[in-house]
Amino acid sequence: MSLTSMTFFERFESDILAGKKTITIRDENECDFAPNSIVEVATYEDNRWFCQLRIISVTPVLFDELTDFHASQENMTLPELKSVIADIYPNINKLFVITYQKVG
């Protein structure tokens, strides 16, 4: 069964709402989203709803394969992206790029 909601750290909310952050990179526990589905989005810290996203695609990627293009889709530099991913998912190499578009 596909996931129907996701959370983001509050610090990413404004970039998502402005359309500056168009992907999220998750581990295998948070990758079961169906393309073309609509998911409810809330803040990780307090589960405050802030938008809906349409899932465009879910693509496997290895940590070492992350590129400047992924970083630009996350609205950060590649070193920043790798640092954030390493903090959230330490010692995990197999990840998933979830591409989305804000609904409305």
PDB file of N, CA and C in Angstrom:
ATOM      1  N   MET A   1       0.844  -1.188   0.000  1.00  0.00           N
ATOM      2  CA  MET A   1       0.000   0.000   0.000  1.00  0.00           C
ATOM      3  C   MET A   1       0.885   1.246   0.000  1.00  0.00           C
ATOM      4  N   SER A   2       0.514   2.204  -0.804  1.00  0.00           N
ATOM      5  CA  SER A   2       1.316   3.423  -0.937  1.00  0.00           C
ATOM      6  C   SER A   2       1.110   4.361   0.233  1.00  0.00           C
ATOM      7  N   LEU A   3       2.173   5.095   0.545  1.00  0.00           N
ATOM      8  CA  LEU A   3       2.092   6.121   1.582  1.00  0.00           C
ATOM      9  C   LEU A   3       1.234   7.283   1.091  1.00  0.00           C
ATOM     10  N   THR A   4       0.522   7.932   2.010  1.00  0.00           N
ATOM     11  CA  THR A   4      -0.372   9.034   1.635  1.00  0.00           C
ATOM     12  C   THR A   4      -0.010  10.349   2.312  1.00  0.00           C
ATOM     13  N   SER A   5       1.070  10.338   3.088  1.00  0.00           N
ATOM     14  CA  SER A   5       1.510  11.571   3.731  1.00  0.00           C
ATOM     15  C   SER A   5       3.025  11.530   3.901  1.00  0.00           C
ATOM     16  N   MET A   6       3.600  12.722   4.077  1.00  0.00           N
ATOM     17  CA  MET A   6       5.031  12.826   4.366  1.00  0.00           C
ATOM     18  C   MET A   6       5.264  14.062   5.206  1.00  0.00           C
ATOM     19  N   THR A   7       6.379  14.034   5.912  1.00  0.00           N
ATOM     20  CA  THR A   7       6.755  15.197   6.714  1.00  0.00           C
ATOM     21  C   THR A   7       8.092  15.738   6.227  1.00  0.00           C
ATOM     22  N   PHE A   8       8.279  17.027   6.474  1.00  0.00           N
ATOM     23  CA  PHE A   8       9.536  17.714   6.181  1.00  0.00           C
ATOM     24  C   PHE A   8       9.916  18.533   7.398  1.00  0.00           C
ATOM     25  N   PHE A   9      11.208  18.700   7.608  1.00  0.00           N
ATOM     26  CA  PHE A   9      11.653  19.627   8.641  1.00  0.00           C
ATOM     27  C   PHE A   9      11.125  21.015   8.308  1.00  0.00           C
ATOM     28  N   GLU A  10      10.743  21.761   9.342  1.00  0.00           N
ATOM     29  CA  GLU A  10      10.182  23.104   9.152  1.00  0.00           C
ATOM     30  C   GLU A  10      11.063  23.985   8.286  1.00  0.00           C
ATOM     31  N   ARG A  11      12.376  23.802   8.379  1.00  0.00           N
ATOM     32  CA  ARG A  11      13.287  24.673   7.632  1.00  0.00           C
ATOM     33  C   ARG A  11      13.101  24.550   6.115  1.00  0.00           C
ATOM     34  N   PHE A  12      12.448  23.478   5.642  1.00  0.00           N
ATOM     35  CA  PHE A  12      12.236  23.296   4.207  1.00  0.00           C
ATOM     36  C   PHE A  12      10.870  23.803   3.731  1.00  0.00           C
ATOM     37  N   GLU A  13      10.001  24.169   4.642  1.00  0.00           N
ATOM     38  CA  GLU A  13       8.628  24.528   4.284  1.00  0.00           C
ATOM     39  C   GLU A  13       8.557  25.665   3.265  1.00  0.00           C
ATOM     40  N   SER A  14       9.270  26.764   3.496  1.00  0.00           N
ATOM     41  CA  SER A  14       9.169  27.908   2.588  1.00  0.00           C
ATOM     42  C   SER A  14       9.683  27.573   1.192  1.00  0.00           C
ATOM     43  N   ASP A  15      10.753  26.766   1.086  1.00  0.00           N
ATOM     44  CA  ASP A  15      11.263  26.364  -0.225  1.00  0.00           C
ATOM     45  C   ASP A  15      10.255  25.485  -0.968  1.00  0.00           C
ATOM     46  N   ILE A  16       9.577  24.603  -0.242  1.00  0.00           N
ATOM     47  CA  ILE A  16       8.562  23.745  -0.866  1.00  0.00           C
ATOM     48  C   ILE A  16       7.399  24.607  -1.358  1.00  0.00           C
ATOM     49  N   LEU A  17       6.909  25.485  -0.514  1.00  0.00           N
ATOM     50  CA  LEU A  17       5.769  26.327  -0.882  1.00  0.00           C
ATOM     51  C   LEU A  17       6.104  27.266  -2.040  1.00  0.00           C
ATOM     52  N   ALA A  18       7.372  27.695  -2.136  1.00  0.00           N
ATOM     53  CA  ALA A  18       7.798  28.593  -3.210  1.00  0.00           C
ATOM     54  C   ALA A  18       8.172  27.839  -4.487  1.00  0.00           C
ATOM     55  N   GLY A  19       8.155  26.507  -4.443  1.00  0.00           N
ATOM     56  CA  GLY A  19       8.521  25.714  -5.611  1.00  0.00           C
ATOM     57  C   GLY A  19      10.015  25.656  -5.864  1.00  0.00           C
ATOM     58  N   LYS A  20      10.826  26.020  -4.850  1.00  0.00           N
ATOM     59  CA  LYS A  20      12.284  25.990  -5.001  1.00  0.00           C
ATOM     60  C   LYS A  20      12.860  24.613  -4.673  1.00  0.00           C
ATOM     61  N   LYS A  21      12.138  23.824  -3.893  1.00  0.00           N
ATOM     62  CA  LYS A  21      12.551  22.456  -3.526  1.00  0.00           C
ATOM     63  C   LYS A  21      11.554  21.516  -4.193  1.00  0.00           C
ATOM     64  N   THR A  22      12.021  20.727  -5.157  1.00  0.00           N
ATOM     65  CA  THR A  22      11.105  19.912  -5.964  1.00  0.00           C
ATOM     66  C   THR A  22      11.362  18.410  -5.846  1.00  0.00           C
ATOM     67  N   ILE A  23      12.301  18.024  -4.985  1.00  0.00           N
ATOM     68  CA  ILE A  23      12.531  16.605  -4.691  1.00  0.00           C
ATOM     69  C   ILE A  23      12.776  16.446  -3.193  1.00  0.00           C
ATOM     70  N   THR A  24      12.638  15.225  -2.754  1.00  0.00           N
ATOM     71  CA  THR A  24      13.098  14.841  -1.428  1.00  0.00           C
ATOM     72  C   THR A  24      13.829  13.518  -1.586  1.00  0.00           C
ATOM     73  N   ILE A  25      14.816  13.295  -0.777  1.00  0.00           N
ATOM     74  CA  ILE A  25      15.596  12.065  -0.849  1.00  0.00           C
ATOM     75  C   ILE A  25      15.362  11.314   0.454  1.00  0.00           C
ATOM     76  N   ARG A  26      14.856  10.093   0.323  1.00  0.00           N
ATOM     77  CA  ARG A  26      14.474   9.297   1.488  1.00  0.00           C
ATOM     78  C   ARG A  26      15.105   7.916   1.423  1.00  0.00           C
ATOM     79  N   ASP A  27      15.044   7.208   2.553  1.00  0.00           N
ATOM     80  CA  ASP A  27      15.543   5.828   2.566  1.00  0.00           C
ATOM     81  C   ASP A  27      14.410   4.870   2.194  1.00  0.00           C
ATOM     82  N   GLU A  28      14.701   3.576   2.222  1.00  0.00           N
ATOM     83  CA  GLU A  28      13.708   2.600   1.764  1.00  0.00           C
ATOM     84  C   GLU A  28      12.477   2.525   2.658  1.00  0.00           C
ATOM     85  N   ASN A  29      12.546   3.022   3.887  1.00  0.00           N
ATOM     86  CA  ASN A  29      11.380   3.043   4.768  1.00  0.00           C
ATOM     87  C   ASN A  29      10.378   4.128   4.398  1.00  0.00           C
ATOM     88  N   GLU A  30      10.820   5.095   3.590  1.00  0.00           N
ATOM     89  CA  GLU A  30       9.957   6.222   3.231  1.00  0.00           C
ATOM     90  C   GLU A  30       9.928   6.451   1.716  1.00  0.00           C
ATOM     91  N   CYS A  31       9.853   5.366   0.950  1.00  0.00           N
ATOM     92  CA  CYS A  31       9.912   5.537  -0.499  1.00  0.00           C
ATOM     93  C   CYS A  31       8.689   4.996  -1.222  1.00  0.00           C
ATOM     94  N   ASP A  32       7.739   4.438  -0.496  1.00  0.00           N
ATOM     95  CA  ASP A  32       6.615   3.752  -1.142  1.00  0.00           C
ATOM     96  C   ASP A  32       5.489   4.723  -1.505  1.00  0.00           C
ATOM     97  N   PHE A  33       5.813   5.637  -2.412  1.00  0.00           N
ATOM     98  CA  PHE A  33       4.826   6.599  -2.907  1.00  0.00           C
ATOM     99  C   PHE A  33       4.468   6.238  -4.338  1.00  0.00           C
ATOM    100  N   ALA A  34       3.204   6.357  -4.687  1.00  0.00           N
ATOM    101  CA  ALA A  34       2.754   6.025  -6.036  1.00  0.00           C
ATOM    102  C   ALA A  34       2.792   7.271  -6.918  1.00  0.00           C
ATOM    103  N   PRO A  35       3.426   7.180  -8.093  1.00  0.00           N
ATOM    104  CA  PRO A  35       3.393   8.314  -9.024  1.00  0.00           C
ATOM    105  C   PRO A  35       1.946   8.722  -9.324  1.00  0.00           C
ATOM    106  N   ASN A  36       1.733  10.027  -9.439  1.00  0.00           N
ATOM    107  CA  ASN A  36       0.426  10.657  -9.674  1.00  0.00           C
ATOM    108  C   ASN A  36      -0.481  10.677  -8.455  1.00  0.00           C
ATOM    109  N   SER A  37      -0.020  10.163  -7.315  1.00  0.00           N
ATOM    110  CA  SER A  37      -0.828  10.247  -6.106  1.00  0.00           C
ATOM    111  C   SER A  37      -0.642  11.619  -5.459  1.00  0.00           C
ATOM    112  N   ILE A  38      -1.622  12.011  -4.660  1.00  0.00           N
ATOM    113  CA  ILE A  38      -1.562  13.263  -3.893  1.00  0.00           C
ATOM    114  C   ILE A  38      -1.291  12.885  -2.437  1.00  0.00           C
ATOM    115  N   VAL A  39      -0.280  13.521  -1.838  1.00  0.00           N
ATOM    116  CA  VAL A  39       0.042  13.243  -0.441  1.00  0.00           C
ATOM    117  C   VAL A  39      -0.124  14.509   0.401  1.00  0.00           C
ATOM    118  N   GLU A  40      -0.512  14.298   1.639  1.00  0.00           N
ATOM    119  CA  GLU A  40      -0.637  15.379   2.609  1.00  0.00           C
ATOM    120  C   GLU A  40       0.730  15.629   3.218  1.00  0.00           C
ATOM    121  N   VAL A  41       1.086  16.903   3.389  1.00  0.00           N
ATOM    122  CA  VAL A  41       2.425  17.254   3.865  1.00  0.00           C
ATOM    123  C   VAL A  41       2.335  18.070   5.148  1.00  0.00           C
ATOM    124  N   ALA A  42       3.149  17.666   6.122  1.00  0.00           N
ATOM    125  CA  ALA A  42       3.166  18.345   7.416  1.00  0.00           C
ATOM    126  C   ALA A  42       4.610  18.532   7.868  1.00  0.00           C
ATOM    127  N   THR A  43       4.760  19.372   8.884  1.00  0.00           N
ATOM    128  CA  THR A  43       6.086  19.575   9.457  1.00  0.00           C
ATOM    129  C   THR A  43       6.445  18.379  10.338  1.00  0.00           C
ATOM    130  N   TYR A  44       7.719  18.023  10.315  1.00  0.00           N
ATOM    131  CA  TYR A  44       8.209  16.902  11.113  1.00  0.00           C
ATOM    132  C   TYR A  44       8.127  17.219  12.608  1.00  0.00           C
ATOM    133  N   GLU A  45       8.453  18.448  12.960  1.00  0.00           N
ATOM    134  CA  GLU A  45       8.566  18.817  14.375  1.00  0.00           C
ATOM    135  C   GLU A  45       7.231  18.742  15.118  1.00  0.00           C
ATOM    136  N   ASP A  46       6.134  19.252  14.506  1.00  0.00           N
ATOM    137  CA  ASP A  46       4.863  19.290  15.231  1.00  0.00           C
ATOM    138  C   ASP A  46       3.683  18.775  14.414  1.00  0.00           C
ATOM    139  N   ASN A  47       3.975  18.123  13.290  1.00  0.00           N
ATOM    140  CA  ASN A  47       2.941  17.518  12.449  1.00  0.00           C
ATOM    141  C   ASN A  47       1.881  18.536  12.006  1.00  0.00           C
ATOM    142  N   ARG A  48       2.326  19.776  11.734  1.00  0.00           N
ATOM    143  CA  ARG A  48       1.424  20.829  11.262  1.00  0.00           C
ATOM    144  C   ARG A  48       1.311  20.738   9.747  1.00  0.00           C
ATOM    145  N   TRP A  49       0.081  20.508   9.249  1.00  0.00           N
ATOM    146  CA  TRP A  49      -0.164  20.387   7.811  1.00  0.00           C
ATOM    147  C   TRP A  49       0.174  21.704   7.120  1.00  0.00           C
ATOM    148  N   PHE A  50       0.806  21.649   5.930  1.00  0.00           N
ATOM    149  CA  PHE A  50       1.036  22.902   5.206  1.00  0.00           C
ATOM    150  C   PHE A  50       0.801  22.837   3.706  1.00  0.00           C
ATOM    151  N   CYS A  51       0.645  21.672   3.096  1.00  0.00           N
ATOM    152  CA  CYS A  51       0.295  21.639   1.674  1.00  0.00           C
ATOM    153  C   CYS A  51       0.028  20.204   1.224  1.00  0.00           C
ATOM    154  N   GLN A  52      -0.321  20.090  -0.056  1.00  0.00           N
ATOM    155  CA  GLN A  52      -0.428  18.793  -0.711  1.00  0.00           C
ATOM    156  C   GLN A  52       0.584  18.768  -1.848  1.00  0.00           C
ATOM    157  N   LEU A  53       1.147  17.589  -2.089  1.00  0.00           N
ATOM    158  CA  LEU A  53       2.086  17.410  -3.191  1.00  0.00           C
ATOM    159  C   LEU A  53       1.613  16.266  -4.079  1.00  0.00           C
ATOM    160  N   ARG A  54       1.815  16.431  -5.395  1.00  0.00           N
ATOM    161  CA  ARG A  54       1.580  15.341  -6.343  1.00  0.00           C
ATOM    162  C   ARG A  54       2.925  14.654  -6.567  1.00  0.00           C
ATOM    163  N   ILE A  55       2.969  13.351  -6.357  1.00  0.00           N
ATOM    164  CA  ILE A  55       4.194  12.587  -6.577  1.00  0.00           C
ATOM    165  C   ILE A  55       4.362  12.381  -8.085  1.00  0.00           C
ATOM    166  N   ILE A  56       5.504  12.771  -8.607  1.00  0.00           N
ATOM    167  CA  ILE A  56       5.783  12.610 -10.034  1.00  0.00           C
ATOM    168  C   ILE A  56       6.527  11.302 -10.283  1.00  0.00           C
ATOM    169  N   SER A  57       7.577  11.045  -9.492  1.00  0.00           N
ATOM    170  CA  SER A  57       8.347   9.813  -9.682  1.00  0.00           C
ATOM    171  C   SER A  57       9.097   9.454  -8.420  1.00  0.00           C
ATOM    172  N   VAL A  58       9.472   8.178  -8.338  1.00  0.00           N
ATOM    173  CA  VAL A  58      10.306   7.660  -7.258  1.00  0.00           C
ATOM    174  C   VAL A  58      11.422   6.864  -7.931  1.00  0.00           C
ATOM    175  N   THR A  59      12.666   7.333  -7.768  1.00  0.00           N
ATOM    176  CA  THR A  59      13.799   6.762  -8.487  1.00  0.00           C
ATOM    177  C   THR A  59      14.919   6.394  -7.519  1.00  0.00           C
ATOM    178  N   PRO A  60      15.420   5.153  -7.566  1.00  0.00           N
ATOM    179  CA  PRO A  60      16.536   4.792  -6.681  1.00  0.00           C
ATOM    180  C   PRO A  60      17.813   5.550  -7.059  1.00  0.00           C
ATOM    181  N   VAL A  61      18.597   5.880  -6.061  1.00  0.00           N
ATOM    182  CA  VAL A  61      19.894   6.538  -6.281  1.00  0.00           C
ATOM    183  C   VAL A  61      20.826   6.141  -5.138  1.00  0.00           C
ATOM    184  N   LEU A  62      22.087   5.984  -5.456  1.00  0.00           N
ATOM    185  CA  LEU A  62      23.075   5.727  -4.416  1.00  0.00           C
ATOM    186  C   LEU A  62      23.635   7.061  -3.919  1.00  0.00           C
ATOM    187  N   PHE A  63      23.975   7.111  -2.637  1.00  0.00           N
ATOM    188  CA  PHE A  63      24.509   8.339  -2.047  1.00  0.00           C
ATOM    189  C   PHE A  63      25.642   8.912  -2.896  1.00  0.00           C
ATOM    190  N   ASP A  64      26.557   8.054  -3.344  1.00  0.00           N
ATOM    191  CA  ASP A  64      27.713   8.510  -4.127  1.00  0.00           C
ATOM    192  C   ASP A  64      27.332   9.018  -5.519  1.00  0.00           C
ATOM    193  N   GLU A  65      26.101   8.741  -5.957  1.00  0.00           N
ATOM    194  CA  GLU A  65      25.638   9.178  -7.274  1.00  0.00           C
ATOM    195  C   GLU A  65      24.893  10.520  -7.226  1.00  0.00           C
ATOM    196  N   LEU A  66      24.742  11.089  -6.050  1.00  0.00           N
ATOM    197  CA  LEU A  66      24.073  12.389  -5.950  1.00  0.00           C
ATOM    198  C   LEU A  66      24.894  13.438  -6.689  1.00  0.00           C
ATOM    199  N   THR A  67      24.196  14.317  -7.414  1.00  0.00           N
ATOM    200  CA  THR A  67      24.865  15.291  -8.279  1.00  0.00           C
ATOM    201  C   THR A  67      24.444  16.715  -7.943  1.00  0.00           C
ATOM    202  N   ASP A  68      25.088  17.658  -8.621  1.00  0.00           N
ATOM    203  CA  ASP A  68      24.701  19.063  -8.490  1.00  0.00           C
ATOM    204  C   ASP A  68      23.253  19.267  -8.912  1.00  0.00           C
ATOM    205  N   PHE A  69      22.766  18.469  -9.873  1.00  0.00           N
ATOM    206  CA  PHE A  69      21.373  18.586 -10.305  1.00  0.00           C
ATOM    207  C   PHE A  69      20.425  18.237  -9.163  1.00  0.00           C
ATOM    208  N   HIS A  70      20.713  17.134  -8.451  1.00  0.00           N
ATOM    209  CA  HIS A  70      19.896  16.806  -7.274  1.00  0.00           C
ATOM    210  C   HIS A  70      19.935  17.961  -6.272  1.00  0.00           C
ATOM    211  N   ALA A  71      21.126  18.474  -6.038  1.00  0.00           N
ATOM    212  CA  ALA A  71      21.280  19.566  -5.067  1.00  0.00           C
ATOM    213  C   ALA A  71      20.464  20.787  -5.478  1.00  0.00           C
ATOM    214  N   SER A  72      20.489  21.128  -6.766  1.00  0.00           N
ATOM    215  CA  SER A  72      19.715  22.300  -7.216  1.00  0.00           C
ATOM    216  C   SER A  72      18.223  22.063  -7.033  1.00  0.00           C
ATOM    217  N   GLN A  73      17.761  20.812  -7.212  1.00  0.00           N
ATOM    218  CA  GLN A  73      16.347  20.494  -6.994  1.00  0.00           C
ATOM    219  C   GLN A  73      15.984  20.573  -5.510  1.00  0.00           C
ATOM    220  N   GLU A  74      16.974  20.442  -4.658  1.00  0.00           N
ATOM    221  CA  GLU A  74      16.777  20.568  -3.209  1.00  0.00           C
ATOM    222  C   GLU A  74      17.011  22.008  -2.738  1.00  0.00           C
ATOM    223  N   ASN A  75      17.403  22.886  -3.665  1.00  0.00           N
ATOM    224  CA  ASN A  75      17.711  24.289  -3.375  1.00  0.00           C
ATOM    225  C   ASN A  75      18.871  24.425  -2.390  1.00  0.00           C
ATOM    226  N   MET A  76      19.944  23.631  -2.662  1.00  0.00           N
ATOM    227  CA  MET A  76      21.159  23.734  -1.852  1.00  0.00           C
ATOM    228  C   MET A  76      22.350  23.287  -2.700  1.00  0.00           C
ATOM    229  N   THR A  77      23.543  23.424  -2.151  1.00  0.00           N
ATOM    230  CA  THR A  77      24.734  22.967  -2.857  1.00  0.00           C
ATOM    231  C   THR A  77      24.896  21.460  -2.639  1.00  0.00           C
ATOM    232  N   LEU A  78      25.706  20.824  -3.464  1.00  0.00           N
ATOM    233  CA  LEU A  78      25.937  19.388  -3.306  1.00  0.00           C
ATOM    234  C   LEU A  78      26.568  19.051  -1.947  1.00  0.00           C
ATOM    235  N   PRO A  79      27.591  19.791  -1.487  1.00  0.00           N
ATOM    236  CA  PRO A  79      28.121  19.489  -0.145  1.00  0.00           C
ATOM    237  C   PRO A  79      27.053  19.645   0.951  1.00  0.00           C
ATOM    238  N   GLU A  80      26.191  20.659   0.840  1.00  0.00           N
ATOM    239  CA  GLU A  80      25.107  20.821   1.822  1.00  0.00           C
ATOM    240  C   GLU A  80      24.164  19.625   1.774  1.00  0.00           C
ATOM    241  N   LEU A  81      23.776  19.228   0.560  1.00  0.00           N
ATOM    242  CA  LEU A  81      22.856  18.107   0.401  1.00  0.00           C
ATOM    243  C   LEU A  81      23.438  16.832   1.008  1.00  0.00           C
ATOM    244  N   LYS A  82      24.686  16.539   0.681  1.00  0.00           N
ATOM    245  CA  LYS A  82      25.307  15.318   1.206  1.00  0.00           C
ATOM    246  C   LYS A  82      25.413  15.362   2.728  1.00  0.00           C
ATOM    247  N   SER A  83      25.675  16.529   3.278  1.00  0.00           N
ATOM    248  CA  SER A  83      25.748  16.679   4.732  1.00  0.00           C
ATOM    249  C   SER A  83      24.383  16.431   5.379  1.00  0.00           C
ATOM    250  N   VAL A  84      23.337  17.014   4.805  1.00  0.00           N
ATOM    251  CA  VAL A  84      21.974  16.831   5.338  1.00  0.00           C
ATOM    252  C   VAL A  84      21.576  15.358   5.273  1.00  0.00           C
ATOM    253  N   ILE A  85      21.811  14.732   4.120  1.00  0.00           N
ATOM    254  CA  ILE A  85      21.446  13.319   3.950  1.00  0.00           C
ATOM    255  C   ILE A  85      22.224  12.446   4.939  1.00  0.00           C
ATOM    256  N   ALA A  86      23.514  12.710   5.088  1.00  0.00           N
ATOM    257  CA  ALA A  86      24.337  11.921   6.013  1.00  0.00           C
ATOM    258  C   ALA A  86      23.879  12.089   7.461  1.00  0.00           C
ATOM    259  N   ASP A  87      23.400  13.293   7.819  1.00  0.00           N
ATOM    260  CA  ASP A  87      22.887  13.525   9.174  1.00  0.00           C
ATOM    261  C   ASP A  87      21.592  12.751   9.413  1.00  0.00           C
ATOM    262  N   ILE A  88      20.701  12.759   8.412  1.00  0.00           N
ATOM    263  CA  ILE A  88      19.386  12.121   8.569  1.00  0.00           C
ATOM    264  C   ILE A  88      19.488  10.603   8.438  1.00  0.00           C
ATOM    265  N   TYR A  89      20.280  10.151   7.468  1.00  0.00           N
ATOM    266  CA  TYR A  89      20.411   8.716   7.178  1.00  0.00           C
ATOM    267  C   TYR A  89      21.878   8.285   7.248  1.00  0.00           C
ATOM    268  N   PRO A  90      22.457   8.267   8.439  1.00  0.00           N
ATOM    269  CA  PRO A  90      23.880   7.891   8.552  1.00  0.00           C
ATOM    270  C   PRO A  90      24.114   6.456   8.070  1.00  0.00           C
ATOM    271  N   ASN A  91      25.189   6.286   7.331  1.00  0.00           N
ATOM    272  CA  ASN A  91      25.625   4.966   6.860  1.00  0.00           C
ATOM    273  C   ASN A  91      24.635   4.267   5.942  1.00  0.00           C
ATOM    274  N   ILE A  92      23.753   5.016   5.279  1.00  0.00           N
ATOM    275  CA  ILE A  92      22.834   4.424   4.302  1.00  0.00           C
ATOM    276  C   ILE A  92      23.250   4.909   2.924  1.00  0.00           C
ATOM    277  N   ASN A  93      23.486   3.966   2.012  1.00  0.00           N
ATOM    278  CA  ASN A  93      23.924   4.314   0.664  1.00  0.00           C
ATOM    279  C   ASN A  93      22.779   4.261  -0.340  1.00  0.00           C
ATOM    280  N   LYS A  94      21.804   3.361  -0.132  1.00  0.00           N
ATOM    281  CA  LYS A  94      20.696   3.195  -1.071  1.00  0.00           C
ATOM    282  C   LYS A  94      19.561   4.132  -0.686  1.00  0.00           C
ATOM    283  N   LEU A  95      19.294   5.092  -1.556  1.00  0.00           N
ATOM    284  CA  LEU A  95      18.292   6.119  -1.296  1.00  0.00           C
ATOM    285  C   LEU A  95      17.308   6.188  -2.461  1.00  0.00           C
ATOM    286  N   PHE A  96      16.283   7.033  -2.306  1.00  0.00           N
ATOM    287  CA  PHE A  96      15.284   7.203  -3.348  1.00  0.00           C
ATOM    288  C   PHE A  96      14.995   8.683  -3.537  1.00  0.00           C
ATOM    289  N   VAL A  97      15.020   9.121  -4.794  1.00  0.00           N
ATOM    290  CA  VAL A  97      14.667  10.503  -5.129  1.00  0.00           C
ATOM    291  C   VAL A  97      13.171  10.524  -5.415  1.00  0.00           C
ATOM    292  N   ILE A  98      12.439  11.290  -4.638  1.00  0.00           N
ATOM    293  CA  ILE A  98      11.002  11.444  -4.833  1.00  0.00           C
ATOM    294  C   ILE A  98      10.775  12.840  -5.411  1.00  0.00           C
ATOM    295  N   THR A  99      10.361  12.860  -6.667  1.00  0.00           N
ATOM    296  CA  THR A  99      10.094  14.133  -7.354  1.00  0.00           C
ATOM    297  C   THR A  99       8.622  14.466  -7.160  1.00  0.00           C
ATOM    298  N   TYR A 100       8.342  15.722  -6.863  1.00  0.00           N
ATOM    299  CA  TYR A 100       6.955  16.124  -6.582  1.00  0.00           C
ATOM    300  C   TYR A 100       6.685  17.515  -7.112  1.00  0.00           C
ATOM    301  N   GLN A 101       5.394  17.862  -7.118  1.00  0.00           N
ATOM    302  CA  GLN A 101       4.939  19.193  -7.520  1.00  0.00           C
ATOM    303  C   GLN A 101       3.855  19.610  -6.544  1.00  0.00           C
ATOM    304  N   LYS A 102       3.919  20.845  -6.086  1.00  0.00           N
ATOM    305  CA  LYS A 102       2.919  21.350  -5.144  1.00  0.00           C
ATOM    306  C   LYS A 102       1.559  21.421  -5.846  1.00  0.00           C
ATOM    307  N   VAL A 103       0.514  20.981  -5.167  1.00  0.00           N
ATOM    308  CA  VAL A 103      -0.838  21.027  -5.696  1.00  0.00           C
ATOM    309  C   VAL A 103      -1.445  22.382  -5.354  1.00  0.00           C
ATOM    310  N   GLY A 104      -2.034  23.031  -6.350  1.00  0.00           N
ATOM    311  CA  GLY A 104      -2.724  24.300  -6.116  1.00  0.00           C
ATOM    312  C   GLY A 104      -1.877  25.514  -6.132  1.00  0.00           C
TER     313      GLY A 104
END
